[in-house]
Amino acid sequence: MPWSVLLIANVITIAPLVAITALEVWRIVQSRRRGRAAARLHVRIIGLFSVVAAVPAVLVAVVASVTLDRGLDQLFSRQTSR
């Protein structure tokens, strides 16, 4: 029962965010098709911002994964080898 409530709460929270994002993407695509001023620049800025936001997150995830893997491996290998 509690899991279903949490799942529904997540869906209620995430659905508007997905809808707003889809609407903005649709507006940018329409602006670009119509040839409005700065539509290409807007797409470039969004692309660069996405890369700048994603690269550090991926690097942190990789470093944390490797660090935890090695740290936990050494921690548990000592206990099991005794």
N, C-alpha and C. Protein backbone atom coordinates (compact mmCIF):
# COMPACT_ATOMS: atom_id res chain seq x y z
N MET A 1 0.81 -1.21 0.00
CA MET A 1 0.00 0.00 0.00
C MET A 1 0.85 1.27 0.00
N PRO A 2 1.86 1.41 0.90
CA PRO A 2 2.65 2.65 0.91
C PRO A 2 3.43 2.87 -0.39
N TRP A 3 3.86 1.77 -1.03
CA TRP A 3 4.62 1.93 -2.26
C TRP A 3 3.75 2.52 -3.36
N SER A 4 2.52 2.11 -3.43
CA SER A 4 1.63 2.64 -4.47
C SER A 4 1.34 4.12 -4.25
N VAL A 5 1.25 4.53 -3.00
CA VAL A 5 1.03 5.95 -2.70
C VAL A 5 2.25 6.77 -3.14
N LEU A 6 3.43 6.26 -2.85
CA LEU A 6 4.65 6.96 -3.27
C LEU A 6 4.78 7.00 -4.79
N LEU A 7 4.41 5.92 -5.45
CA LEU A 7 4.47 5.88 -6.91
C LEU A 7 3.50 6.90 -7.51
N ILE A 8 2.31 6.96 -6.98
CA ILE A 8 1.33 7.94 -7.48
C ILE A 8 1.80 9.36 -7.21
N ALA A 9 2.40 9.61 -6.05
CA ALA A 9 2.93 10.94 -5.75
C ALA A 9 4.04 11.32 -6.72
N ASN A 10 4.90 10.37 -7.06
CA ASN A 10 5.96 10.65 -8.03
C ASN A 10 5.39 10.96 -9.41
N VAL A 11 4.40 10.19 -9.82
CA VAL A 11 3.79 10.43 -11.13
C VAL A 11 3.12 11.80 -11.17
N ILE A 12 2.44 12.15 -10.08
CA ILE A 12 1.78 13.46 -10.02
C ILE A 12 2.81 14.58 -10.06
N THR A 13 3.96 14.35 -9.49
CA THR A 13 5.01 15.38 -9.50
C THR A 13 5.74 15.45 -10.83
N ILE A 14 6.02 14.31 -11.42
CA ILE A 14 6.83 14.27 -12.64
C ILE A 14 6.03 14.61 -13.89
N ALA A 15 4.76 14.26 -13.93
CA ALA A 15 3.94 14.49 -15.13
C ALA A 15 3.90 15.96 -15.56
N PRO A 16 3.66 16.91 -14.65
CA PRO A 16 3.68 18.31 -15.09
C PRO A 16 5.06 18.77 -15.61
N LEU A 17 6.13 18.26 -14.98
CA LEU A 17 7.47 18.63 -15.44
C LEU A 17 7.72 18.13 -16.86
N VAL A 18 7.30 16.91 -17.14
CA VAL A 18 7.46 16.36 -18.49
C VAL A 18 6.61 17.14 -19.47
N ALA A 19 5.40 17.50 -19.07
CA ALA A 19 4.50 18.26 -19.96
C ALA A 19 5.08 19.65 -20.27
N ILE A 20 5.61 20.32 -19.27
CA ILE A 20 6.19 21.65 -19.48
C ILE A 20 7.42 21.56 -20.39
N THR A 21 8.25 20.55 -20.17
CA THR A 21 9.44 20.36 -21.02
C THR A 21 9.04 20.07 -22.45
N ALA A 22 8.06 19.21 -22.64
CA ALA A 22 7.60 18.89 -24.00
C ALA A 22 7.02 20.12 -24.69
N LEU A 23 6.28 20.94 -23.95
CA LEU A 23 5.72 22.16 -24.52
C LEU A 23 6.82 23.12 -24.96
N GLU A 24 7.84 23.27 -24.15
CA GLU A 24 8.95 24.16 -24.51
C GLU A 24 9.72 23.65 -25.73
N VAL A 25 9.94 22.34 -25.78
CA VAL A 25 10.61 21.77 -26.96
C VAL A 25 9.75 22.00 -28.20
N TRP A 26 8.45 21.82 -28.07
CA TRP A 26 7.55 22.04 -29.20
C TRP A 26 7.62 23.50 -29.68
N ARG A 27 7.64 24.42 -28.75
CA ARG A 27 7.73 25.85 -29.12
C ARG A 27 9.04 26.17 -29.82
N ILE A 28 10.13 25.60 -29.35
CA ILE A 28 11.42 25.86 -29.99
C ILE A 28 11.45 25.27 -31.40
N VAL A 29 10.93 24.07 -31.55
CA VAL A 29 10.89 23.44 -32.87
C VAL A 29 10.03 24.27 -33.82
N GLN A 30 8.89 24.74 -33.35
CA GLN A 30 8.02 25.57 -34.20
C GLN A 30 8.70 26.88 -34.57
N SER A 31 9.39 27.50 -33.63
CA SER A 31 10.10 28.75 -33.92
C SER A 31 11.17 28.52 -34.97
N ARG A 32 11.86 27.42 -34.85
CA ARG A 32 12.92 27.13 -35.81
C ARG A 32 12.35 26.85 -37.20
N ARG A 33 11.24 26.13 -37.26
CA ARG A 33 10.61 25.86 -38.56
C ARG A 33 10.12 27.13 -39.22
N ARG A 34 9.62 28.07 -38.43
CA ARG A 34 9.11 29.33 -38.98
C ARG A 34 10.23 30.31 -39.30
N GLY A 35 11.44 29.99 -38.87
CA GLY A 35 12.58 30.84 -39.18
C GLY A 35 12.63 32.10 -38.37
N ARG A 36 12.14 32.05 -37.17
CA ARG A 36 12.16 33.25 -36.32
C ARG A 36 13.58 33.58 -35.90
N ALA A 37 13.77 34.84 -35.59
CA ALA A 37 15.09 35.32 -35.21
C ALA A 37 15.56 34.65 -33.93
N ALA A 38 16.80 34.28 -33.91
CA ALA A 38 17.51 33.70 -32.75
C ALA A 38 17.03 32.30 -32.37
N ALA A 39 16.27 31.64 -33.21
CA ALA A 39 15.82 30.28 -32.88
C ALA A 39 17.01 29.32 -32.89
N ARG A 40 17.89 29.47 -33.86
CA ARG A 40 19.07 28.60 -33.91
C ARG A 40 20.00 28.87 -32.74
N LEU A 41 20.14 30.14 -32.38
CA LEU A 41 20.97 30.51 -31.23
C LEU A 41 20.40 29.90 -29.95
N HIS A 42 19.10 29.93 -29.83
CA HIS A 42 18.45 29.36 -28.65
C HIS A 42 18.76 27.86 -28.55
N VAL A 43 18.69 27.16 -29.67
CA VAL A 43 18.99 25.73 -29.68
C VAL A 43 20.45 25.49 -29.30
N ARG A 44 21.34 26.30 -29.80
CA ARG A 44 22.76 26.16 -29.46
C ARG A 44 23.00 26.39 -27.98
N ILE A 45 22.38 27.42 -27.43
CA ILE A 45 22.57 27.73 -26.01
C ILE A 45 22.04 26.58 -25.15
N ILE A 46 20.88 26.05 -25.50
CA ILE A 46 20.31 24.93 -24.75
C ILE A 46 21.23 23.72 -24.85
N GLY A 47 21.76 23.45 -26.03
CA GLY A 47 22.67 22.32 -26.21
C GLY A 47 23.93 22.47 -25.38
N LEU A 48 24.53 23.65 -25.41
CA LEU A 48 25.74 23.88 -24.63
C LEU A 48 25.47 23.79 -23.13
N PHE A 49 24.35 24.36 -22.69
CA PHE A 49 24.01 24.28 -21.28
C PHE A 49 23.80 22.83 -20.85
N SER A 50 23.16 22.06 -21.71
CA SER A 50 22.93 20.64 -21.39
C SER A 50 24.25 19.90 -21.23
N VAL A 51 25.20 20.17 -22.11
CA VAL A 51 26.51 19.52 -22.02
C VAL A 51 27.23 19.96 -20.75
N VAL A 52 27.20 21.26 -20.48
CA VAL A 52 27.88 21.79 -19.29
C VAL A 52 27.25 21.23 -18.01
N ALA A 53 25.96 20.99 -18.03
CA ALA A 53 25.29 20.44 -16.84
C ALA A 53 25.50 18.93 -16.73
N ALA A 54 25.56 18.23 -17.84
CA ALA A 54 25.61 16.77 -17.80
C ALA A 54 27.02 16.22 -17.56
N VAL A 55 28.03 16.84 -18.13
CA VAL A 55 29.39 16.30 -18.04
C VAL A 55 29.87 16.20 -16.59
N PRO A 56 29.75 17.25 -15.77
CA PRO A 56 30.19 17.09 -14.38
C PRO A 56 29.39 16.02 -13.62
N ALA A 57 28.11 15.92 -13.89
CA ALA A 57 27.30 14.90 -13.21
C ALA A 57 27.76 13.50 -13.58
N VAL A 58 28.06 13.29 -14.84
CA VAL A 58 28.54 11.97 -15.28
C VAL A 58 29.91 11.68 -14.68
N LEU A 59 30.79 12.66 -14.68
CA LEU A 59 32.12 12.46 -14.10
C LEU A 59 32.04 12.13 -12.62
N VAL A 60 31.21 12.84 -11.88
CA VAL A 60 31.06 12.56 -10.46
C VAL A 60 30.50 11.16 -10.25
N ALA A 61 29.54 10.76 -11.07
CA ALA A 61 28.95 9.42 -10.94
C ALA A 61 30.00 8.34 -11.21
N VAL A 62 30.82 8.53 -12.22
CA VAL A 62 31.84 7.54 -12.56
C VAL A 62 32.88 7.45 -11.44
N VAL A 63 33.37 8.60 -10.99
CA VAL A 63 34.39 8.60 -9.93
C VAL A 63 33.82 8.00 -8.65
N ALA A 64 32.60 8.35 -8.30
CA ALA A 64 32.00 7.80 -7.09
C ALA A 64 31.80 6.30 -7.21
N SER A 65 31.40 5.84 -8.38
CA SER A 65 31.20 4.41 -8.59
C SER A 65 32.50 3.64 -8.43
N VAL A 66 33.55 4.13 -9.06
CA VAL A 66 34.85 3.46 -8.98
C VAL A 66 35.38 3.51 -7.55
N THR A 67 35.28 4.65 -6.91
CA THR A 67 35.78 4.80 -5.55
C THR A 67 35.03 3.89 -4.58
N LEU A 68 33.71 3.88 -4.67
CA LEU A 68 32.94 3.01 -3.78
C LEU A 68 33.22 1.54 -4.06
N ASP A 69 33.36 1.20 -5.32
CA ASP A 69 33.62 -0.20 -5.68
C ASP A 69 34.95 -0.66 -5.08
N ARG A 70 35.97 0.14 -5.25
CA ARG A 70 37.28 -0.24 -4.71
C ARG A 70 37.31 -0.20 -3.19
N GLY A 71 36.69 0.82 -2.60
CA GLY A 71 36.68 0.94 -1.15
C GLY A 71 35.90 -0.17 -0.48
N LEU A 72 34.73 -0.48 -1.01
CA LEU A 72 33.92 -1.54 -0.41
C LEU A 72 34.53 -2.91 -0.68
N ASP A 73 35.18 -3.07 -1.82
CA ASP A 73 35.82 -4.36 -2.12
C ASP A 73 36.92 -4.64 -1.11
N GLN A 74 37.74 -3.65 -0.82
CA GLN A 74 38.81 -3.84 0.16
C GLN A 74 38.25 -4.05 1.55
N LEU A 75 37.20 -3.36 1.88
CA LEU A 75 36.61 -3.47 3.21
C LEU A 75 36.07 -4.87 3.46
N PHE A 76 35.36 -5.41 2.49
CA PHE A 76 34.74 -6.71 2.68
C PHE A 76 35.71 -7.87 2.40
N SER A 77 36.73 -7.64 1.61
CA SER A 77 37.67 -8.73 1.36
C SER A 77 38.51 -9.04 2.59
N ARG A 78 38.79 -8.05 3.42
CA ARG A 78 39.55 -8.27 4.65
C ARG A 78 38.74 -9.13 5.62
N GLN A 79 37.47 -8.87 5.74
CA GLN A 79 36.65 -9.62 6.68
C GLN A 79 36.44 -11.06 6.22
N THR A 80 36.34 -11.28 4.96
CA THR A 80 36.07 -12.63 4.48
C THR A 80 37.33 -13.47 4.40
N SER A 81 38.52 -12.85 4.30
CA SER A 81 39.75 -13.63 4.18
C SER A 81 40.25 -14.12 5.54
N ARG A 82 39.76 -13.59 6.64
CA ARG A 82 40.23 -14.00 7.98
C ARG A 82 39.63 -15.25 8.42
